[in-house]
Amino acid sequence: IPFVLAFVLNYIQIEIISSILIILIS
């Protein structure tokens, strides 16, 4: 689950926001 999310969010070039979203959505 978090790896799929990270793969999708990796296209957002804002790593801090992506990291927070990975945790919350997971």
PDB file of all heavy atoms in Angstrom:
ATOM      1  N   ILE A   1       0.815  -1.227   0.000  1.00  0.00           N
ATOM      2  CA  ILE A   1       0.000   0.000   0.000  1.00  0.00           C
ATOM      3  C   ILE A   1       0.845   1.272   0.000  1.00  0.00           C
ATOM      4  O   ILE A   1       0.694   2.132  -0.878  1.00  0.00           O
ATOM      5  CB  ILE A   1      -1.001  -0.018   1.173  1.00  0.00           C
ATOM      6  CG1 ILE A   1      -2.105  -1.040   0.892  1.00  0.00           C
ATOM      7  CG2 ILE A   1      -1.608   1.371   1.403  1.00  0.00           C
ATOM      8  CD1 ILE A   1      -3.003  -1.309   2.081  1.00  0.00           C
ATOM      9  N   PRO A   2       1.777   1.469   0.941  1.00  0.00           N
ATOM     10  CA  PRO A   2       2.558   2.716   0.900  1.00  0.00           C
ATOM     11  C   PRO A   2       3.498   2.799  -0.296  1.00  0.00           C
ATOM     12  O   PRO A   2       3.771   3.903  -0.790  1.00  0.00           O
ATOM     13  CB  PRO A   2       3.341   2.681   2.221  1.00  0.00           C
ATOM     14  CG  PRO A   2       3.362   1.258   2.630  1.00  0.00           C
ATOM     15  CD  PRO A   2       2.091   0.667   2.127  1.00  0.00           C
ATOM     16  N   PHE A   3       3.979   1.645  -0.784  1.00  0.00           N
ATOM     17  CA  PHE A   3       4.874   1.680  -1.940  1.00  0.00           C
ATOM     18  C   PHE A   3       4.133   2.119  -3.203  1.00  0.00           C
ATOM     19  O   PHE A   3       4.677   2.867  -4.017  1.00  0.00           O
ATOM     20  CB  PHE A   3       5.529   0.305  -2.152  1.00  0.00           C
ATOM     21  CG  PHE A   3       6.849   0.173  -1.460  1.00  0.00           C
ATOM     22  CD1 PHE A   3       6.909  -0.094  -0.098  1.00  0.00           C
ATOM     23  CD2 PHE A   3       8.034   0.343  -2.144  1.00  0.00           C
ATOM     24  CE1 PHE A   3       8.118  -0.194   0.558  1.00  0.00           C
ATOM     25  CE2 PHE A   3       9.259   0.236  -1.502  1.00  0.00           C
ATOM     26  CZ  PHE A   3       9.301  -0.028  -0.148  1.00  0.00           C
ATOM     27  N   VAL A   4       2.887   1.661  -3.371  1.00  0.00           N
ATOM     28  CA  VAL A   4       2.097   2.108  -4.521  1.00  0.00           C
ATOM     29  C   VAL A   4       1.823   3.603  -4.409  1.00  0.00           C
ATOM     30  O   VAL A   4       1.934   4.355  -5.388  1.00  0.00           O
ATOM     31  CB  VAL A   4       0.785   1.319  -4.607  1.00  0.00           C
ATOM     32  CG1 VAL A   4      -0.137   1.917  -5.666  1.00  0.00           C
ATOM     33  CG2 VAL A   4       1.067  -0.150  -4.926  1.00  0.00           C
ATOM     34  N   LEU A   5       1.479   4.054  -3.210  1.00  0.00           N
ATOM     35  CA  LEU A   5       1.241   5.484  -2.985  1.00  0.00           C
ATOM     36  C   LEU A   5       2.488   6.300  -3.295  1.00  0.00           C
ATOM     37  O   LEU A   5       2.419   7.344  -3.946  1.00  0.00           O
ATOM     38  CB  LEU A   5       0.822   5.721  -1.531  1.00  0.00           C
ATOM     39  CG  LEU A   5      -0.605   5.340  -1.152  1.00  0.00           C
ATOM     40  CD1 LEU A   5      -0.788   5.411   0.353  1.00  0.00           C
ATOM     41  CD2 LEU A   5      -1.605   6.242  -1.851  1.00  0.00           C
ATOM     42  N   ALA A   6       3.644   5.820  -2.823  1.00  0.00           N
ATOM     43  CA  ALA A   6       4.892   6.551  -3.047  1.00  0.00           C
ATOM     44  C   ALA A   6       5.234   6.604  -4.530  1.00  0.00           C
ATOM     45  O   ALA A   6       5.740   7.622  -5.019  1.00  0.00           O
ATOM     46  CB  ALA A   6       6.023   5.878  -2.276  1.00  0.00           C
ATOM     47  N   PHE A   7       4.964   5.528  -5.237  1.00  0.00           N
ATOM     48  CA  PHE A   7       5.238   5.499  -6.677  1.00  0.00           C
ATOM     49  C   PHE A   7       4.417   6.555  -7.404  1.00  0.00           C
ATOM     50  O   PHE A   7       4.903   7.248  -8.298  1.00  0.00           O
ATOM     51  CB  PHE A   7       4.940   4.101  -7.227  1.00  0.00           C
ATOM     52  CG  PHE A   7       5.256   3.956  -8.684  1.00  0.00           C
ATOM     53  CD1 PHE A   7       6.565   3.761  -9.115  1.00  0.00           C
ATOM     54  CD2 PHE A   7       4.245   4.033  -9.638  1.00  0.00           C
ATOM     55  CE1 PHE A   7       6.847   3.636 -10.465  1.00  0.00           C
ATOM     56  CE2 PHE A   7       4.522   3.907 -10.981  1.00  0.00           C
ATOM     57  CZ  PHE A   7       5.836   3.709 -11.401  1.00  0.00           C
ATOM     58  N   VAL A   8       3.144   6.687  -7.003  1.00  0.00           N
ATOM     59  CA  VAL A   8       2.264   7.683  -7.624  1.00  0.00           C
ATOM     60  C   VAL A   8       2.662   9.097  -7.206  1.00  0.00           C
ATOM     61  O   VAL A   8       2.789   9.998  -8.031  1.00  0.00           O
ATOM     62  CB  VAL A   8       0.802   7.404  -7.243  1.00  0.00           C
ATOM     63  CG1 VAL A   8      -0.102   8.519  -7.773  1.00  0.00           C
ATOM     64  CG2 VAL A   8       0.362   6.056  -7.788  1.00  0.00           C
ATOM     65  N   LEU A   9       2.904   9.289  -5.900  1.00  0.00           N
ATOM     66  CA  LEU A   9       3.226  10.616  -5.383  1.00  0.00           C
ATOM     67  C   LEU A   9       4.632  11.067  -5.745  1.00  0.00           C
ATOM     68  O   LEU A   9       4.956  12.253  -5.580  1.00  0.00           O
ATOM     69  CB  LEU A   9       3.068  10.624  -3.856  1.00  0.00           C
ATOM     70  CG  LEU A   9       1.631  10.460  -3.340  1.00  0.00           C
ATOM     71  CD1 LEU A   9       1.623  10.262  -1.836  1.00  0.00           C
ATOM     72  CD2 LEU A   9       0.781  11.659  -3.723  1.00  0.00           C
ATOM     73  N   ASN A  10       5.443  10.141  -6.213  1.00  0.00           N
ATOM     74  CA  ASN A  10       6.807  10.497  -6.588  1.00  0.00           C
ATOM     75  C   ASN A  10       6.842  11.513  -7.722  1.00  0.00           C
ATOM     76  O   ASN A  10       7.824  12.221  -7.907  1.00  0.00           O
ATOM     77  CB  ASN A  10       7.583   9.236  -6.997  1.00  0.00           C
ATOM     78  CG  ASN A  10       9.081   9.479  -7.057  1.00  0.00           C
ATOM     79  OD1 ASN A  10       9.641  10.180  -6.222  1.00  0.00           O
ATOM     80  ND2 ASN A  10       9.733   8.897  -8.040  1.00  0.00           N
ATOM     81  N   TYR A  11       5.747  11.590  -8.462  1.00  0.00           N
ATOM     82  CA  TYR A  11       5.674  12.560  -9.545  1.00  0.00           C
ATOM     83  C   TYR A  11       5.444  13.982  -9.025  1.00  0.00           C
ATOM     84  O   TYR A  11       5.615  14.949  -9.751  1.00  0.00           O
ATOM     85  CB  TYR A  11       4.561  12.174 -10.525  1.00  0.00           C
ATOM     86  CG  TYR A  11       4.883  10.915 -11.295  1.00  0.00           C
ATOM     87  CD1 TYR A  11       4.359   9.683 -10.914  1.00  0.00           C
ATOM     88  CD2 TYR A  11       5.749  10.954 -12.388  1.00  0.00           C
ATOM     89  CE1 TYR A  11       4.657   8.517 -11.612  1.00  0.00           C
ATOM     90  CE2 TYR A  11       6.059   9.792 -13.097  1.00  0.00           C
ATOM     91  CZ  TYR A  11       5.520   8.580 -12.701  1.00  0.00           C
ATOM     92  OH  TYR A  11       5.845   7.431 -13.393  1.00  0.00           O
ATOM     93  N   ILE A  12       5.028  14.063  -7.746  1.00  0.00           N
ATOM     94  CA  ILE A  12       4.940  15.378  -7.110  1.00  0.00           C
ATOM     95  C   ILE A  12       6.333  15.719  -6.597  1.00  0.00           C
ATOM     96  O   ILE A  12       6.856  15.054  -5.710  1.00  0.00           O
ATOM     97  CB  ILE A  12       3.941  15.368  -5.928  1.00  0.00           C
ATOM     98  CG1 ILE A  12       2.566  14.950  -6.415  1.00  0.00           C
ATOM     99  CG2 ILE A  12       3.893  16.746  -5.259  1.00  0.00           C
ATOM    100  CD1 ILE A  12       1.552  14.805  -5.293  1.00  0.00           C
ATOM    101  N   GLN A  13       6.947  16.717  -7.143  1.00  0.00           N
ATOM    102  CA  GLN A  13       8.332  17.011  -6.816  1.00  0.00           C
ATOM    103  C   GLN A  13       8.471  17.814  -5.518  1.00  0.00           C
ATOM    104  O   GLN A  13       9.292  18.718  -5.409  1.00  0.00           O
ATOM    105  CB  GLN A  13       8.977  17.785  -7.980  1.00  0.00           C
ATOM    106  CG  GLN A  13       8.998  17.026  -9.286  1.00  0.00           C
ATOM    107  CD  GLN A  13       9.804  15.723  -9.197  1.00  0.00           C
ATOM    108  OE1 GLN A  13      10.895  15.709  -8.641  1.00  0.00           O
ATOM    109  NE2 GLN A  13       9.265  14.652  -9.736  1.00  0.00           N
ATOM    110  N   ILE A  14       7.639  17.497  -4.532  1.00  0.00           N
ATOM    111  CA  ILE A  14       7.732  18.122  -3.209  1.00  0.00           C
ATOM    112  C   ILE A  14       7.787  16.995  -2.195  1.00  0.00           C
ATOM    113  O   ILE A  14       6.764  16.446  -1.785  1.00  0.00           O
ATOM    114  CB  ILE A  14       6.532  19.054  -2.927  1.00  0.00           C
ATOM    115  CG1 ILE A  14       6.375  20.074  -4.055  1.00  0.00           C
ATOM    116  CG2 ILE A  14       6.731  19.779  -1.603  1.00  0.00           C
ATOM    117  CD1 ILE A  14       5.157  20.953  -3.901  1.00  0.00           C
ATOM    118  N   GLU A  15       8.985  16.619  -1.808  1.00  0.00           N
ATOM    119  CA  GLU A  15       9.184  15.389  -1.049  1.00  0.00           C
ATOM    120  C   GLU A  15       8.562  15.442   0.341  1.00  0.00           C
ATOM    121  O   GLU A  15       8.070  14.440   0.843  1.00  0.00           O
ATOM    122  CB  GLU A  15      10.680  15.086  -0.961  1.00  0.00           C
ATOM    123  CG  GLU A  15      11.283  14.790  -2.332  1.00  0.00           C
ATOM    124  CD  GLU A  15      12.784  14.576  -2.277  1.00  0.00           C
ATOM    125  OE1 GLU A  15      13.368  14.726  -1.189  1.00  0.00           O
ATOM    126  OE2 GLU A  15      13.366  14.272  -3.335  1.00  0.00           O
ATOM    127  N   ILE A  16       8.571  16.592   0.997  1.00  0.00           N
ATOM    128  CA  ILE A  16       8.010  16.680   2.342  1.00  0.00           C
ATOM    129  C   ILE A  16       6.510  16.424   2.305  1.00  0.00           C
ATOM    130  O   ILE A  16       5.969  15.654   3.105  1.00  0.00           O
ATOM    131  CB  ILE A  16       8.309  18.065   2.965  1.00  0.00           C
ATOM    132  CG1 ILE A  16       9.817  18.242   3.167  1.00  0.00           C
ATOM    133  CG2 ILE A  16       7.570  18.225   4.288  1.00  0.00           C
ATOM    134  CD1 ILE A  16      10.208  19.596   3.710  1.00  0.00           C
ATOM    135  N   ILE A  17       5.816  17.077   1.361  1.00  0.00           N
ATOM    136  CA  ILE A  17       4.374  16.875   1.234  1.00  0.00           C
ATOM    137  C   ILE A  17       4.066  15.426   0.873  1.00  0.00           C
ATOM    138  O   ILE A  17       3.144  14.806   1.427  1.00  0.00           O
ATOM    139  CB  ILE A  17       3.788  17.835   0.175  1.00  0.00           C
ATOM    140  CG1 ILE A  17       3.919  19.277   0.655  1.00  0.00           C
ATOM    141  CG2 ILE A  17       2.326  17.496  -0.125  1.00  0.00           C
ATOM    142  CD1 ILE A  17       3.432  20.301  -0.338  1.00  0.00           C
ATOM    143  N   SER A  18       4.831  14.859  -0.050  1.00  0.00           N
ATOM    144  CA  SER A  18       4.624  13.460  -0.446  1.00  0.00           C
ATOM    145  C   SER A  18       4.799  12.518   0.735  1.00  0.00           C
ATOM    146  O   SER A  18       4.034  11.560   0.905  1.00  0.00           O
ATOM    147  CB  SER A  18       5.597  13.091  -1.569  1.00  0.00           C
ATOM    148  OG  SER A  18       5.365  13.866  -2.717  1.00  0.00           O
ATOM    149  N   SER A  19       5.796  12.772   1.557  1.00  0.00           N
ATOM    150  CA  SER A  19       6.057  11.916   2.725  1.00  0.00           C
ATOM    151  C   SER A  19       4.887  11.952   3.695  1.00  0.00           C
ATOM    152  O   SER A  19       4.462  10.909   4.212  1.00  0.00           O
ATOM    153  CB  SER A  19       7.343  12.370   3.425  1.00  0.00           C
ATOM    154  OG  SER A  19       8.455  12.264   2.566  1.00  0.00           O
ATOM    155  N   ILE A  20       4.366  13.141   3.952  1.00  0.00           N
ATOM    156  CA  ILE A  20       3.219  13.266   4.858  1.00  0.00           C
ATOM    157  C   ILE A  20       2.000  12.544   4.286  1.00  0.00           C
ATOM    158  O   ILE A  20       1.281  11.829   5.004  1.00  0.00           O
ATOM    159  CB  ILE A  20       2.891  14.755   5.107  1.00  0.00           C
ATOM    160  CG1 ILE A  20       4.054  15.421   5.858  1.00  0.00           C
ATOM    161  CG2 ILE A  20       1.592  14.901   5.901  1.00  0.00           C
ATOM    162  CD1 ILE A  20       3.918  16.917   5.979  1.00  0.00           C
ATOM    163  N   LEU A  21       1.770  12.701   2.990  1.00  0.00           N
ATOM    164  CA  LEU A  21       0.624  12.050   2.352  1.00  0.00           C
ATOM    165  C   LEU A  21       0.758  10.534   2.378  1.00  0.00           C
ATOM    166  O   LEU A  21      -0.240   9.816   2.557  1.00  0.00           O
ATOM    167  CB  LEU A  21       0.486  12.544   0.907  1.00  0.00           C
ATOM    168  CG  LEU A  21       0.005  13.986   0.732  1.00  0.00           C
ATOM    169  CD1 LEU A  21       0.060  14.384  -0.734  1.00  0.00           C
ATOM    170  CD2 LEU A  21      -1.410  14.149   1.285  1.00  0.00           C
ATOM    171  N   ILE A  22       1.967  10.028   2.195  1.00  0.00           N
ATOM    172  CA  ILE A  22       2.188   8.576   2.242  1.00  0.00           C
ATOM    173  C   ILE A  22       1.758   8.027   3.590  1.00  0.00           C
ATOM    174  O   ILE A  22       1.078   6.987   3.680  1.00  0.00           O
ATOM    175  CB  ILE A  22       3.675   8.247   1.971  1.00  0.00           C
ATOM    176  CG1 ILE A  22       4.011   8.498   0.497  1.00  0.00           C
ATOM    177  CG2 ILE A  22       3.986   6.791   2.344  1.00  0.00           C
ATOM    178  CD1 ILE A  22       5.496   8.448   0.195  1.00  0.00           C
ATOM    179  N   ILE A  23       2.123   8.696   4.666  1.00  0.00           N
ATOM    180  CA  ILE A  23       1.782   8.228   6.013  1.00  0.00           C
ATOM    181  C   ILE A  23       0.276   8.324   6.253  1.00  0.00           C
ATOM    182  O   ILE A  23      -0.365   7.349   6.674  1.00  0.00           O
ATOM    183  CB  ILE A  23       2.549   9.044   7.069  1.00  0.00           C
ATOM    184  CG1 ILE A  23       4.055   8.764   6.957  1.00  0.00           C
ATOM    185  CG2 ILE A  23       2.058   8.698   8.475  1.00  0.00           C
ATOM    186  CD1 ILE A  23       4.913   9.641   7.839  1.00  0.00           C
ATOM    187  N   LEU A  24      -0.305   9.475   5.978  1.00  0.00           N
ATOM    188  CA  LEU A  24      -1.727   9.689   6.269  1.00  0.00           C
ATOM    189  C   LEU A  24      -2.631   8.792   5.431  1.00  0.00           C
ATOM    190  O   LEU A  24      -3.556   8.143   5.958  1.00  0.00           O
ATOM    191  CB  LEU A  24      -2.086  11.158   6.030  1.00  0.00           C
ATOM    192  CG  LEU A  24      -1.438  12.184   6.969  1.00  0.00           C
ATOM    193  CD1 LEU A  24      -1.864  13.588   6.590  1.00  0.00           C
ATOM    194  CD2 LEU A  24      -1.792  11.891   8.424  1.00  0.00           C
ATOM    195  N   ILE A  25      -2.377   8.729   4.136  1.00  0.00           N
ATOM    196  CA  ILE A  25      -3.236   7.921   3.257  1.00  0.00           C
ATOM    197  C   ILE A  25      -3.059   6.432   3.546  1.00  0.00           C
ATOM    198  O   ILE A  25      -4.030   5.659   3.512  1.00  0.00           O
ATOM    199  CB  ILE A  25      -2.937   8.233   1.775  1.00  0.00           C
ATOM    200  CG1 ILE A  25      -3.254   9.705   1.467  1.00  0.00           C
ATOM    201  CG2 ILE A  25      -3.754   7.332   0.861  1.00  0.00           C
ATOM    202  CD1 ILE A  25      -2.869  10.130   0.066  1.00  0.00           C
ATOM    203  N   SER A  26      -1.831   6.008   3.841  1.00  0.00           N
ATOM    204  CA  SER A  26      -1.587   4.594   4.164  1.00  0.00           C
ATOM    205  C   SER A  26      -2.418   4.169   5.362  1.00  0.00           C
ATOM    206  O   SER A  26      -3.085   3.119   5.334  1.00  0.00           O
ATOM    207  CB  SER A  26      -0.102   4.364   4.455  1.00  0.00           C
ATOM    208  OG  SER A  26       0.680   4.530   3.294  1.00  0.00           O
TER     209      SER A  26
END
